[in-house]
Amino acid sequence: MAFEVELLKPKIGAAIHVDKASVCDEDFIRACKELMEERTLVVLPEIGLSDDEQLELTDRFGSRVYYASNVPGGTTAGSDVYEITLEPHINNEPEYVLSTFFWHFDGAHNHAEPPKVSMLAAWGVADK
């Protein structure tokens, strides 16, 4: 299994270029965890994982915690998946999502320890 690491900024961020079939390989997971500790932010550009594949990858990093079950739109996408959207036909309170665009961290309103990792997938992005 081969992958390429691209450092994004001098002290933060790394992109890992890897094929989709290798993301749950133990060597890749170990390298990914090390990069997260060292670089804080790790991206897998254009890998195109499905929700189920991303959840399988998530499980390699520890137990899942789903903070969005009690927030607007938190149960519409499926188990353990929160769709971040301003589309009112998907989330009936898009104002909630908009209020988190500028700053937040997952679990901020929970009394438990915040998660070590949050995993996001960009299915559609705004025009530049």
Protein backbone atom coordinates (compact mmCIF):
# COMPACT_ATOMS: atom_id res chain seq x y z
CA MET A 1 0.00 0.00 0.00
CA ALA A 2 1.45 3.32 -1.06
CA PHE A 3 0.40 6.85 -0.28
CA GLU A 4 1.93 10.28 -0.71
CA VAL A 5 1.95 12.98 1.97
CA GLU A 6 1.86 16.64 0.96
CA LEU A 7 2.54 19.20 3.72
CA LEU A 8 0.16 22.12 3.24
CA LYS A 9 1.60 24.87 5.47
CA PRO A 10 4.85 25.13 7.46
CA LYS A 11 3.31 23.93 10.76
CA ILE A 12 -0.23 22.73 10.04
CA GLY A 13 -2.11 20.59 7.57
CA ALA A 14 -1.25 17.62 5.40
CA ALA A 15 -2.93 16.08 2.39
CA ILE A 16 -2.63 12.34 2.01
CA HIS A 17 -3.00 11.07 -1.54
CA VAL A 18 -4.12 7.45 -1.26
CA ASP A 19 -6.39 5.17 -3.21
CA LYS A 20 -9.81 4.47 -1.77
CA ALA A 21 -9.14 0.76 -1.29
CA SER A 22 -6.26 1.48 1.10
CA VAL A 23 -7.86 3.86 3.61
CA CYS A 24 -8.61 1.14 6.17
CA ASP A 25 -5.18 -0.49 5.90
CA GLU A 26 -3.48 -0.53 9.33
CA ASP A 27 -0.25 1.08 8.02
CA PHE A 28 -2.26 3.92 6.53
CA ILE A 29 -4.29 4.40 9.73
CA ARG A 30 -1.11 4.49 11.83
CA ALA A 31 0.48 7.08 9.49
CA CYS A 32 -2.71 9.12 9.45
CA LYS A 33 -2.88 9.19 13.27
CA GLU A 34 0.76 10.30 13.45
CA LEU A 35 0.11 13.09 10.95
CA MET A 36 -2.95 14.23 12.90
CA GLU A 37 -0.83 14.53 16.05
CA GLU A 38 1.92 16.38 14.22
CA ARG A 39 -0.06 18.52 11.73
CA THR A 40 -3.56 18.80 13.37
CA LEU A 41 -5.47 18.81 10.06
CA VAL A 42 -5.34 15.97 7.56
CA VAL A 43 -7.25 15.86 4.28
CA LEU A 44 -7.78 13.06 1.79
CA PRO A 45 -8.45 15.08 -1.38
CA GLU A 46 -10.94 13.83 -3.93
CA ILE A 47 -11.12 10.31 -2.49
CA GLY A 48 -14.92 10.12 -2.74
CA LEU A 49 -15.79 7.87 0.18
CA SER A 50 -19.46 6.99 0.59
CA ASP A 51 -21.07 7.66 3.98
CA ASP A 52 -20.67 3.98 4.92
CA GLU A 53 -17.00 3.95 3.84
CA GLN A 54 -16.32 7.12 5.82
CA LEU A 55 -17.97 5.62 8.90
CA GLU A 56 -15.82 2.50 8.48
CA LEU A 57 -12.74 4.75 8.37
CA THR A 58 -14.03 6.69 11.40
CA ASP A 59 -14.29 3.48 13.39
CA ARG A 60 -10.54 2.90 12.89
CA PHE A 61 -9.87 5.99 15.02
CA GLY A 62 -11.96 4.97 18.03
CA SER A 63 -15.54 4.94 19.23
CA ARG A 64 -17.98 7.17 17.41
CA VAL A 65 -19.80 9.99 19.17
CA TYR A 66 -22.69 11.61 17.34
CA TYR A 67 -23.38 15.08 18.72
CA ALA A 68 -25.96 16.15 16.15
CA SER A 69 -28.88 13.89 17.13
CA ASN A 70 -30.46 16.75 19.11
CA VAL A 71 -29.87 19.58 16.64
CA PRO A 72 -31.99 20.70 13.67
CA GLY A 73 -31.53 18.26 10.77
CA GLY A 74 -29.59 15.85 12.96
CA THR A 75 -31.61 12.80 12.02
CA THR A 76 -32.30 13.40 8.32
CA ALA A 77 -29.14 11.99 6.68
CA GLY A 78 -28.95 8.69 8.49
CA SER A 79 -27.18 7.11 11.40
CA ASP A 80 -24.09 9.05 12.54
CA VAL A 81 -24.12 11.35 9.49
CA TYR A 82 -25.02 15.04 9.72
CA GLU A 83 -25.54 16.81 6.43
CA ILE A 84 -24.29 20.39 6.70
CA THR A 85 -26.55 22.33 4.37
CA LEU A 86 -28.59 25.49 4.12
CA GLU A 87 -31.17 23.72 1.91
CA PRO A 88 -34.51 23.95 3.78
CA HIS A 89 -35.83 20.75 2.15
CA ILE A 90 -32.98 18.86 3.89
CA ASN A 91 -32.66 20.85 7.12
CA ASN A 92 -35.81 22.61 8.31
CA GLU A 93 -33.73 25.06 10.39
CA PRO A 94 -30.86 26.15 8.14
CA GLU A 95 -30.25 29.13 10.46
CA TYR A 96 -28.76 26.69 12.96
CA VAL A 97 -26.17 25.53 10.41
CA LEU A 98 -25.44 29.11 9.32
CA SER A 99 -24.76 30.09 12.93
CA THR A 100 -21.91 27.53 13.09
CA PHE A 101 -20.11 28.62 9.89
CA PHE A 102 -17.72 31.07 11.49
CA TRP A 103 -16.56 29.15 14.56
CA HIS A 104 -17.49 26.07 16.51
CA PHE A 105 -16.16 22.73 17.60
CA ASP A 106 -18.04 19.46 17.72
CA GLY A 107 -19.38 18.70 21.18
CA ALA A 108 -19.11 22.27 22.50
CA HIS A 109 -22.53 22.01 24.17
CA ASN A 110 -21.94 18.57 25.59
CA HIS A 111 -20.57 17.97 29.07
CA ALA A 112 -18.27 15.19 27.86
CA GLU A 113 -14.68 15.53 26.67
CA PRO A 114 -14.57 16.89 23.09
CA PRO A 115 -13.76 14.41 20.33
CA LYS A 116 -10.18 13.83 19.26
CA VAL A 117 -11.16 13.70 15.59
CA SER A 118 -13.98 15.15 13.48
CA MET A 119 -14.36 13.78 9.96
CA LEU A 120 -16.00 15.77 7.19
CA ALA A 121 -16.68 15.09 3.51
CA ALA A 122 -17.31 17.82 0.96
CA TRP A 123 -19.92 16.60 -1.53
CA GLY A 124 -20.53 20.03 -2.95
CA VAL A 125 -18.65 23.27 -2.44
CA ALA A 126 -19.53 26.87 -3.19
CA ASP A 127 -18.12 28.58 -6.24
CA LYS A 128 -15.00 30.61 -5.55
